[in-house]
Amino acid sequence: MSYVHQQTSWIEKQGSIGGAFIINGLLIAGLMLTNHVVAPKVLEDDLTVINIPVKKPPKINDPEITSFVPPIVVPKPPITPPPRDERYIADIIDKTVPIIASGSASGTDDFIKPLDPVIEPIIEPAIPDPIFIGAQQDPKYANRFQPLYPGSLLRQEIEGSVKLRFLIRADGRVKSVKILSASHPRFAAAAEKQALKKWRFIPATRDGRPVEQWKTITVSFTIN
């Protein structure tokens, strides 16, 4: 073997080793650039097996199931609202403003007309009748009542009577006299004169105030 052949063989061997290092370096770089993680191998001797007991489902005839009775739920009775008082509702509607029921395309509104109010009759308090007390003869002037007997008729022993109507003023005096009937004109004249000048009365009153009153009496002329 020559020296040249040995030298060539050594160079080829060194080149093969260098190529192998380059290839291995490229593989290691590729693994480092990727995110691939190799999980460590777990040995089977490190695993621990735990046995979990499984409970069997209960049977139908199990006393724990058959003795259970579901509670009985009694529904509550419905609440009935009280009856409506139509008079109260009518009174409320009467006091409220008209309610818009619906609107039309023309722009006018339909209103619900409220109920007509109940108009109760106005009872005016009763006014008592005025208290009226008629005129009476004043006892202080009782001796002036009988008229003077006409002398001519007295001498002839003629008796008679006069029926007259007279108006008593508020001061008790006689205001006017009307002769209704007389048995003799002299009897009528004597009775009218006596009434206008001498008669006095307690005047009539209405609610305590003196008023005029007409009275009718008959005056008799008799001889004792």
C-alpha atoms as a PDB file:
ATOM      1  CA  MET A   1       0.000   0.000   0.000  1.00  0.00           C
ATOM      2  CA  SER A   2       1.284   3.353  -0.882  1.00  0.00           C
ATOM      3  CA  TYR A   3       1.329   6.481   1.214  1.00  0.00           C
ATOM      4  CA  VAL A   4      -1.068   8.298  -1.079  1.00  0.00           C
ATOM      5  CA  HIS A   5      -3.698   5.611  -0.702  1.00  0.00           C
ATOM      6  CA  GLN A   6      -3.518   5.697   3.073  1.00  0.00           C
ATOM      7  CA  GLN A   7      -3.844   9.443   3.112  1.00  0.00           C
ATOM      8  CA  THR A   8      -6.898   9.351   0.906  1.00  0.00           C
ATOM      9  CA  SER A   9      -8.573   6.785   3.115  1.00  0.00           C
ATOM     10  CA  TRP A  10      -8.004   8.880   6.200  1.00  0.00           C
ATOM     11  CA  ILE A  11      -9.522  11.994   4.536  1.00  0.00           C
ATOM     12  CA  GLU A  12     -12.609  10.066   3.467  1.00  0.00           C
ATOM     13  CA  LYS A  13     -13.058   8.725   6.975  1.00  0.00           C
ATOM     14  CA  GLN A  14     -12.856  12.234   8.443  1.00  0.00           C
ATOM     15  CA  GLY A  15     -15.399  13.505   5.905  1.00  0.00           C
ATOM     16  CA  SER A  16     -17.846  10.752   6.807  1.00  0.00           C
ATOM     17  CA  ILE A  17     -17.596  11.627  10.508  1.00  0.00           C
ATOM     18  CA  GLY A  18     -18.116  15.318   9.826  1.00  0.00           C
ATOM     19  CA  GLY A  19     -21.190  14.593   7.697  1.00  0.00           C
ATOM     20  CA  ALA A  20     -22.674  12.520  10.478  1.00  0.00           C
ATOM     21  CA  PHE A  21     -22.179  15.372  12.979  1.00  0.00           C
ATOM     22  CA  ILE A  22     -23.877  17.832  10.627  1.00  0.00           C
ATOM     23  CA  ILE A  23     -26.882  15.570  10.152  1.00  0.00           C
ATOM     24  CA  ASN A  24     -27.274  14.968  13.890  1.00  0.00           C
ATOM     25  CA  GLY A  25     -27.015  18.697  14.556  1.00  0.00           C
ATOM     26  CA  LEU A  26     -29.748  19.455  12.061  1.00  0.00           C
ATOM     27  CA  LEU A  27     -32.059  16.875  13.675  1.00  0.00           C
ATOM     28  CA  ILE A  28     -31.455  18.267  17.183  1.00  0.00           C
ATOM     29  CA  ALA A  29     -32.125  21.828  15.961  1.00  0.00           C
ATOM     30  CA  GLY A  30     -35.361  20.752  14.320  1.00  0.00           C
ATOM     31  CA  LEU A  31     -36.562  19.118  17.546  1.00  0.00           C
ATOM     32  CA  MET A  32     -35.690  22.210  19.543  1.00  0.00           C
ATOM     33  CA  LEU A  33     -37.603  24.508  17.158  1.00  0.00           C
ATOM     34  CA  THR A  34     -40.814  22.430  17.344  1.00  0.00           C
ATOM     35  CA  ASN A  35     -43.207  22.360  20.407  1.00  0.00           C
ATOM     36  CA  HIS A  36     -43.275  18.626  20.517  1.00  0.00           C
ATOM     37  CA  VAL A  37     -43.012  17.401  24.094  1.00  0.00           C
ATOM     38  CA  VAL A  38     -42.224  13.847  24.747  1.00  0.00           C
ATOM     39  CA  ALA A  39     -44.046  12.616  27.868  1.00  0.00           C
ATOM     40  CA  PRO A  40     -41.955  10.521  30.152  1.00  0.00           C
ATOM     41  CA  LYS A  41     -42.773   6.920  30.097  1.00  0.00           C
ATOM     42  CA  VAL A  42     -44.721   5.764  33.135  1.00  0.00           C
ATOM     43  CA  LEU A  43     -43.816   2.471  34.476  1.00  0.00           C
ATOM     44  CA  GLU A  44     -46.632   0.083  35.159  1.00  0.00           C
ATOM     45  CA  ASP A  45     -45.308  -0.597  38.631  1.00  0.00           C
ATOM     46  CA  ASP A  46     -46.169   3.057  39.684  1.00  0.00           C
ATOM     47  CA  LEU A  47     -49.977   2.721  39.016  1.00  0.00           C
ATOM     48  CA  THR A  48     -52.330   2.211  42.004  1.00  0.00           C
ATOM     49  CA  VAL A  49     -55.721   0.632  41.358  1.00  0.00           C
ATOM     50  CA  ILE A  50     -58.630   1.709  43.687  1.00  0.00           C
ATOM     51  CA  ASN A  51     -61.749  -0.423  43.764  1.00  0.00           C
ATOM     52  CA  ILE A  52     -64.936   1.779  44.278  1.00  0.00           C
ATOM     53  CA  PRO A  53     -67.899  -0.257  45.540  1.00  0.00           C
ATOM     54  CA  VAL A  54     -71.068   0.184  43.459  1.00  0.00           C
ATOM     55  CA  LYS A  55     -74.305   0.318  45.457  1.00  0.00           C
ATOM     56  CA  LYS A  56     -77.057  -1.799  44.055  1.00  0.00           C
ATOM     57  CA  PRO A  57     -80.371  -0.027  43.276  1.00  0.00           C
ATOM     58  CA  PRO A  58     -83.078  -0.681  45.930  1.00  0.00           C
ATOM     59  CA  LYS A  59     -85.770  -3.186  45.203  1.00  0.00           C
ATOM     60  CA  ILE A  60     -89.439  -2.257  44.898  1.00  0.00           C
ATOM     61  CA  ASN A  61     -90.319  -4.111  48.070  1.00  0.00           C
ATOM     62  CA  ASP A  62     -87.648  -2.271  50.057  1.00  0.00           C
ATOM     63  CA  PRO A  63     -89.263  -1.064  53.355  1.00  0.00           C
ATOM     64  CA  GLU A  64     -87.516   2.309  53.029  1.00  0.00           C
ATOM     65  CA  ILE A  65     -89.402   2.908  49.765  1.00  0.00           C
ATOM     66  CA  THR A  66     -92.747   1.342  50.567  1.00  0.00           C
ATOM     67  CA  SER A  67     -93.018   3.202  53.885  1.00  0.00           C
ATOM     68  CA  PHE A  68     -92.652   6.626  52.222  1.00  0.00           C
ATOM     69  CA  VAL A  69     -95.981   8.355  51.676  1.00  0.00           C
ATOM     70  CA  PRO A  70     -95.955  11.662  49.785  1.00  0.00           C
ATOM     71  CA  PRO A  71     -97.679  14.544  51.615  1.00  0.00           C
ATOM     72  CA  ILE A  72    -101.203  15.461  50.535  1.00  0.00           C
ATOM     73  CA  VAL A  73    -101.403  19.083  49.394  1.00  0.00           C
ATOM     74  CA  VAL A  74    -104.879  20.601  49.829  1.00  0.00           C
ATOM     75  CA  PRO A  75    -105.437  23.485  47.373  1.00  0.00           C
ATOM     76  CA  LYS A  76    -106.563  26.771  48.871  1.00  0.00           C
ATOM     77  CA  PRO A  77    -110.145  27.809  48.062  1.00  0.00           C
ATOM     78  CA  PRO A  78    -110.423  30.637  45.539  1.00  0.00           C
ATOM     79  CA  ILE A  79    -111.041  34.094  46.992  1.00  0.00           C
ATOM     80  CA  THR A  80    -114.409  35.412  45.878  1.00  0.00           C
ATOM     81  CA  PRO A  81    -114.437  39.225  45.522  1.00  0.00           C
ATOM     82  CA  PRO A  82    -117.262  41.066  47.337  1.00  0.00           C
ATOM     83  CA  PRO A  83    -120.277  42.097  45.247  1.00  0.00           C
ATOM     84  CA  ARG A  84    -120.058  45.477  43.627  1.00  0.00           C
ATOM     85  CA  ASP A  85    -122.283  48.296  44.830  1.00  0.00           C
ATOM     86  CA  GLU A  86    -123.791  49.701  41.647  1.00  0.00           C
ATOM     87  CA  ARG A  87    -124.920  52.871  43.455  1.00  0.00           C
ATOM     88  CA  TYR A  88    -121.371  53.551  44.600  1.00  0.00           C
ATOM     89  CA  ILE A  89    -120.009  52.940  41.068  1.00  0.00           C
ATOM     90  CA  ALA A  90    -122.659  55.229  39.576  1.00  0.00           C
ATOM     91  CA  ASP A  91    -121.735  57.930  42.071  1.00  0.00           C
ATOM     92  CA  ILE A  92    -118.049  57.619  41.123  1.00  0.00           C
ATOM     93  CA  ILE A  93    -118.818  57.774  37.378  1.00  0.00           C
ATOM     94  CA  ASP A  94    -121.033  60.798  37.929  1.00  0.00           C
ATOM     95  CA  LYS A  95    -118.205  62.689  39.678  1.00  0.00           C
ATOM     96  CA  THR A  96    -115.523  61.866  37.087  1.00  0.00           C
ATOM     97  CA  VAL A  97    -114.777  63.585  33.802  1.00  0.00           C
ATOM     98  CA  PRO A  98    -115.942  61.987  30.538  1.00  0.00           C
ATOM     99  CA  ILE A  99    -113.776  59.024  29.508  1.00  0.00           C
ATOM    100  CA  ILE A 100    -112.491  58.773  25.927  1.00  0.00           C
ATOM    101  CA  ALA A 101    -113.790  55.476  24.599  1.00  0.00           C
ATOM    102  CA  SER A 102    -112.356  55.491  21.082  1.00  0.00           C
ATOM    103  CA  GLY A 103    -111.152  57.856  18.392  1.00  0.00           C
ATOM    104  CA  SER A 104    -112.259  58.137  14.806  1.00  0.00           C
ATOM    105  CA  ALA A 105    -110.262  58.946  11.712  1.00  0.00           C
ATOM    106  CA  SER A 106    -111.989  62.322  11.420  1.00  0.00           C
ATOM    107  CA  GLY A 107    -110.382  63.492  14.642  1.00  0.00           C
ATOM    108  CA  THR A 108    -113.523  63.445  16.758  1.00  0.00           C
ATOM    109  CA  ASP A 109    -113.646  61.464  19.969  1.00  0.00           C
ATOM    110  CA  ASP A 110    -116.499  59.395  21.327  1.00  0.00           C
ATOM    111  CA  PHE A 111    -117.229  59.924  24.992  1.00  0.00           C
ATOM    112  CA  ILE A 112    -119.031  57.776  27.516  1.00  0.00           C
ATOM    113  CA  LYS A 113    -121.925  59.862  28.825  1.00  0.00           C
ATOM    114  CA  PRO A 114    -121.960  59.848  32.626  1.00  0.00           C
ATOM    115  CA  LEU A 115    -125.088  58.707  34.392  1.00  0.00           C
ATOM    116  CA  ASP A 116    -127.666  61.365  35.126  1.00  0.00           C
ATOM    117  CA  PRO A 117    -127.369  62.510  38.730  1.00  0.00           C
ATOM    118  CA  VAL A 118    -130.163  61.568  41.074  1.00  0.00           C
ATOM    119  CA  ILE A 119    -132.001  64.782  41.923  1.00  0.00           C
ATOM    120  CA  GLU A 120    -133.580  64.548  45.309  1.00  0.00           C
ATOM    121  CA  PRO A 121    -136.621  66.725  45.970  1.00  0.00           C
ATOM    122  CA  ILE A 122    -135.930  69.788  48.042  1.00  0.00           C
ATOM    123  CA  ILE A 123    -138.008  69.608  51.187  1.00  0.00           C
ATOM    124  CA  GLU A 124    -138.522  73.061  52.589  1.00  0.00           C
ATOM    125  CA  PRO A 125    -139.027  73.345  56.308  1.00  0.00           C
ATOM    126  CA  ALA A 126    -142.639  73.720  57.308  1.00  0.00           C
ATOM    127  CA  ILE A 127    -143.550  77.270  58.230  1.00  0.00           C
ATOM    128  CA  PRO A 128    -145.902  77.301  61.203  1.00  0.00           C
ATOM    129  CA  ASP A 129    -149.167  79.148  60.834  1.00  0.00           C
ATOM    130  CA  PRO A 130    -149.227  82.542  62.515  1.00  0.00           C
ATOM    131  CA  ILE A 131    -150.714  82.588  65.970  1.00  0.00           C
ATOM    132  CA  PHE A 132    -153.860  84.747  65.868  1.00  0.00           C
ATOM    133  CA  ILE A 133    -155.729  85.887  68.968  1.00  0.00           C
ATOM    134  CA  GLY A 134    -159.074  87.669  68.413  1.00  0.00           C
ATOM    135  CA  ALA A 135    -160.090  90.967  69.963  1.00  0.00           C
ATOM    136  CA  GLN A 136    -161.911  90.948  73.291  1.00  0.00           C
ATOM    137  CA  GLN A 137    -163.926  93.518  75.216  1.00  0.00           C
ATOM    138  CA  ASP A 138    -161.761  95.496  77.601  1.00  0.00           C
ATOM    139  CA  PRO A 139    -163.168  94.801  81.098  1.00  0.00           C
ATOM    140  CA  LYS A 140    -162.138  98.298  82.253  1.00  0.00           C
ATOM    141  CA  TYR A 141    -164.741  99.795  79.873  1.00  0.00           C
ATOM    142  CA  ALA A 142    -167.481  97.197  80.400  1.00  0.00           C
ATOM    143  CA  ASN A 143    -169.933  99.787  81.853  1.00  0.00           C
ATOM    144  CA  ARG A 144    -169.770 101.792  78.587  1.00  0.00           C
ATOM    145  CA  PHE A 145    -170.984  98.989  76.374  1.00  0.00           C
ATOM    146  CA  GLN A 146    -174.782  99.333  76.641  1.00  0.00           C
ATOM    147  CA  PRO A 147    -176.171 102.197  74.488  1.00  0.00           C
ATOM    148  CA  LEU A 148    -178.620 104.741  75.893  1.00  0.00           C
ATOM    149  CA  TYR A 149    -182.234 103.697  75.536  1.00  0.00           C
ATOM    150  CA  PRO A 150    -184.115 106.087  73.240  1.00  0.00           C
ATOM    151  CA  GLY A 151    -186.554 108.080  75.480  1.00  0.00           C
ATOM    152  CA  SER A 152    -189.576 107.955  73.173  1.00  0.00           C
ATOM    153  CA  LEU A 153    -189.284 104.206  72.772  1.00  0.00           C
ATOM    154  CA  LEU A 154    -188.735 103.764  76.502  1.00  0.00           C
ATOM    155  CA  ARG A 155    -191.937 105.705  77.334  1.00  0.00           C
ATOM    156  CA  GLN A 156    -193.810 103.543  74.858  1.00  0.00           C
ATOM    157  CA  GLU A 157    -192.156 100.491  76.423  1.00  0.00           C
ATOM    158  CA  ILE A 158    -190.926  99.306  73.042  1.00  0.00           C
ATOM    159  CA  GLU A 159    -188.099  96.783  73.127  1.00  0.00           C
ATOM    160  CA  GLY A 160    -185.869  95.713  70.275  1.00  0.00           C
ATOM    161  CA  SER A 161    -182.344  94.780  69.030  1.00  0.00           C
ATOM    162  CA  VAL A 162    -179.653  95.816  66.562  1.00  0.00           C
ATOM    163  CA  LYS A 163    -177.217  93.572  64.702  1.00  0.00           C
ATOM    164  CA  LEU A 164    -174.107  95.416  63.638  1.00  0.00           C
ATOM    165  CA  ARG A 165    -170.648  94.719  62.197  1.00  0.00           C
ATOM    166  CA  PHE A 166    -167.757  96.941  63.218  1.00  0.00           C
ATOM    167  CA  LEU A 167    -163.971  97.180  62.645  1.00  0.00           C
ATOM    168  CA  ILE A 168    -161.702  97.298  65.700  1.00  0.00           C
ATOM    169  CA  ARG A 169    -158.453  99.193  65.165  1.00  0.00           C
ATOM    170  CA  ALA A 170    -155.013  98.107  66.438  1.00  0.00           C
ATOM    171  CA  ASP A 171    -155.391 100.525  69.394  1.00  0.00           C
ATOM    172  CA  GLY A 172    -158.690  98.895  70.505  1.00  0.00           C
ATOM    173  CA  ARG A 173    -161.068 101.655  69.298  1.00  0.00           C
ATOM    174  CA  VAL A 174    -163.931 101.125  66.787  1.00  0.00           C
ATOM    175  CA  LYS A 175    -163.035 102.451  63.356  1.00  0.00           C
ATOM    176  CA  SER A 176    -166.312 101.941  61.461  1.00  0.00           C
ATOM    177  CA  VAL A 177    -169.789 100.443  61.954  1.00  0.00           C
ATOM    178  CA  LYS A 178    -172.190  98.721  59.558  1.00  0.00           C
ATOM    179  CA  ILE A 179    -175.828  98.146  60.598  1.00  0.00           C
ATOM    180  CA  LEU A 180    -176.898  94.713  59.444  1.00  0.00           C
ATOM    181  CA  SER A 181    -180.415  94.758  60.946  1.00  0.00           C
ATOM    182  CA  ALA A 182    -182.434  96.761  63.511  1.00  0.00           C
ATOM    183  CA  SER A 183    -185.946  96.511  64.939  1.00  0.00           C
ATOM    184  CA  HIS A 184    -186.186 100.333  64.973  1.00  0.00           C
ATOM    185  CA  PRO A 185    -184.047 103.054  63.368  1.00  0.00           C
ATOM    186  CA  ARG A 186    -183.562 104.798  66.716  1.00  0.00           C
ATOM    187  CA  PHE A 187    -182.123 101.623  68.171  1.00  0.00           C
ATOM    188  CA  ALA A 188    -179.642 101.466  65.216  1.00  0.00           C
ATOM    189  CA  ALA A 189    -178.614 105.111  65.678  1.00  0.00           C
ATOM    190  CA  ALA A 190    -178.081 104.681  69.429  1.00  0.00           C
ATOM    191  CA  ALA A 191    -175.947 101.517  68.974  1.00  0.00           C
ATOM    192  CA  GLU A 192    -173.758 103.073  66.214  1.00  0.00           C
ATOM    193  CA  LYS A 193    -173.106 106.228  68.273  1.00  0.00           C
ATOM    194  CA  GLN A 194    -172.169 104.237  71.388  1.00  0.00           C
ATOM    195  CA  ALA A 195    -169.810 101.949  69.459  1.00  0.00           C
ATOM    196  CA  LEU A 196    -167.855 104.777  67.809  1.00  0.00           C
ATOM    197  CA  LYS A 197    -167.415 106.862  70.967  1.00  0.00           C
ATOM    198  CA  LYS A 198    -167.457 104.570  73.980  1.00  0.00           C
ATOM    199  CA  TRP A 199    -166.520 101.025  73.087  1.00  0.00           C
ATOM    200  CA  ARG A 200    -162.962  99.838  73.879  1.00  0.00           C
ATOM    201  CA  PHE A 201    -161.413  96.455  73.098  1.00  0.00           C
ATOM    202  CA  ILE A 202    -158.213  94.577  73.637  1.00  0.00           C
ATOM    203  CA  PRO A 203    -157.036  94.467  70.010  1.00  0.00           C
ATOM    204  CA  ALA A 204    -156.444  91.268  68.089  1.00  0.00           C
ATOM    205  CA  THR A 205    -152.828  90.080  67.677  1.00  0.00           C
ATOM    206  CA  ARG A 206    -151.023  88.013  65.035  1.00  0.00           C
ATOM    207  CA  ASP A 207    -147.757  86.544  66.327  1.00  0.00           C
ATOM    208  CA  GLY A 208    -147.925  89.050  69.179  1.00  0.00           C
ATOM    209  CA  ARG A 209    -148.422  92.142  66.989  1.00  0.00           C
ATOM    210  CA  PRO A 210    -151.720  94.130  67.232  1.00  0.00           C
ATOM    211  CA  VAL A 211    -153.858  93.988  64.056  1.00  0.00           C
ATOM    212  CA  GLU A 212    -157.311  95.163  62.983  1.00  0.00           C
ATOM    213  CA  GLN A 213    -160.283  92.814  63.138  1.00  0.00           C
ATOM    214  CA  TRP A 214    -163.928  92.831  62.091  1.00  0.00           C
ATOM    215  CA  LYS A 215    -166.516  91.606  64.613  1.00  0.00           C
ATOM    216  CA  THR A 216    -170.288  91.125  64.495  1.00  0.00           C
ATOM    217  CA  ILE A 217    -172.490  91.359  67.602  1.00  0.00           C
ATOM    218  CA  THR A 218    -176.138  91.922  68.492  1.00  0.00           C
ATOM    219  CA  VAL A 219    -177.148  94.679  70.959  1.00  0.00           C
ATOM    220  CA  SER A 220    -180.482  94.180  72.775  1.00  0.00           C
ATOM    221  CA  PHE A 221    -182.751  96.933  74.163  1.00  0.00           C
ATOM    222  CA  THR A 222    -184.907  95.581  77.045  1.00  0.00           C
ATOM    223  CA  ILE A 223    -186.865  97.233  79.872  1.00  0.00           C
ATOM    224  CA  ASN A 224    -186.218  95.809  83.353  1.00  0.00           C
END
